[in-house]
Amino acid sequence: MDDETFKSELLTRLDRIQSLLSYLCGAAKASEERAQAGLGVQKKAEPSLPLGERSLLQEEMQDDYHQALKKWQSARQG
C-alpha cells in the first residue's frame, strides 16, 4: 500500500468516526434540552447508543487506526 492509499483509507475511517461522534453529540444535546425543559430537575442523560454499540464504536476507533498502520507498514516493508 502506498502512502496515498494509506492516507485515503485513514481519512475515510476518520470521516466515519466523525459522523458517529456528531450523531452522539446531537443526541446528547437533545436529551439534555428535554431534561431542562422539565420541572427544573436535571435528569441524567441516557446514552444514545446501547452498550454493545458503544463498545463497537470504541473498538472501531482503535482498530481502524491500528489496522491501517499495520497495512501501511507491511506494504512499506514488502
Foldseek 3Di string as FASTA:
>chain_A
DDPVVLVVQVVVLVVVLVVVVVVQVVQQVVQQVVQCVPPNDGDDRDGPDPPVVVVVSVCSVVVSVVVSVVVNVVVVVD
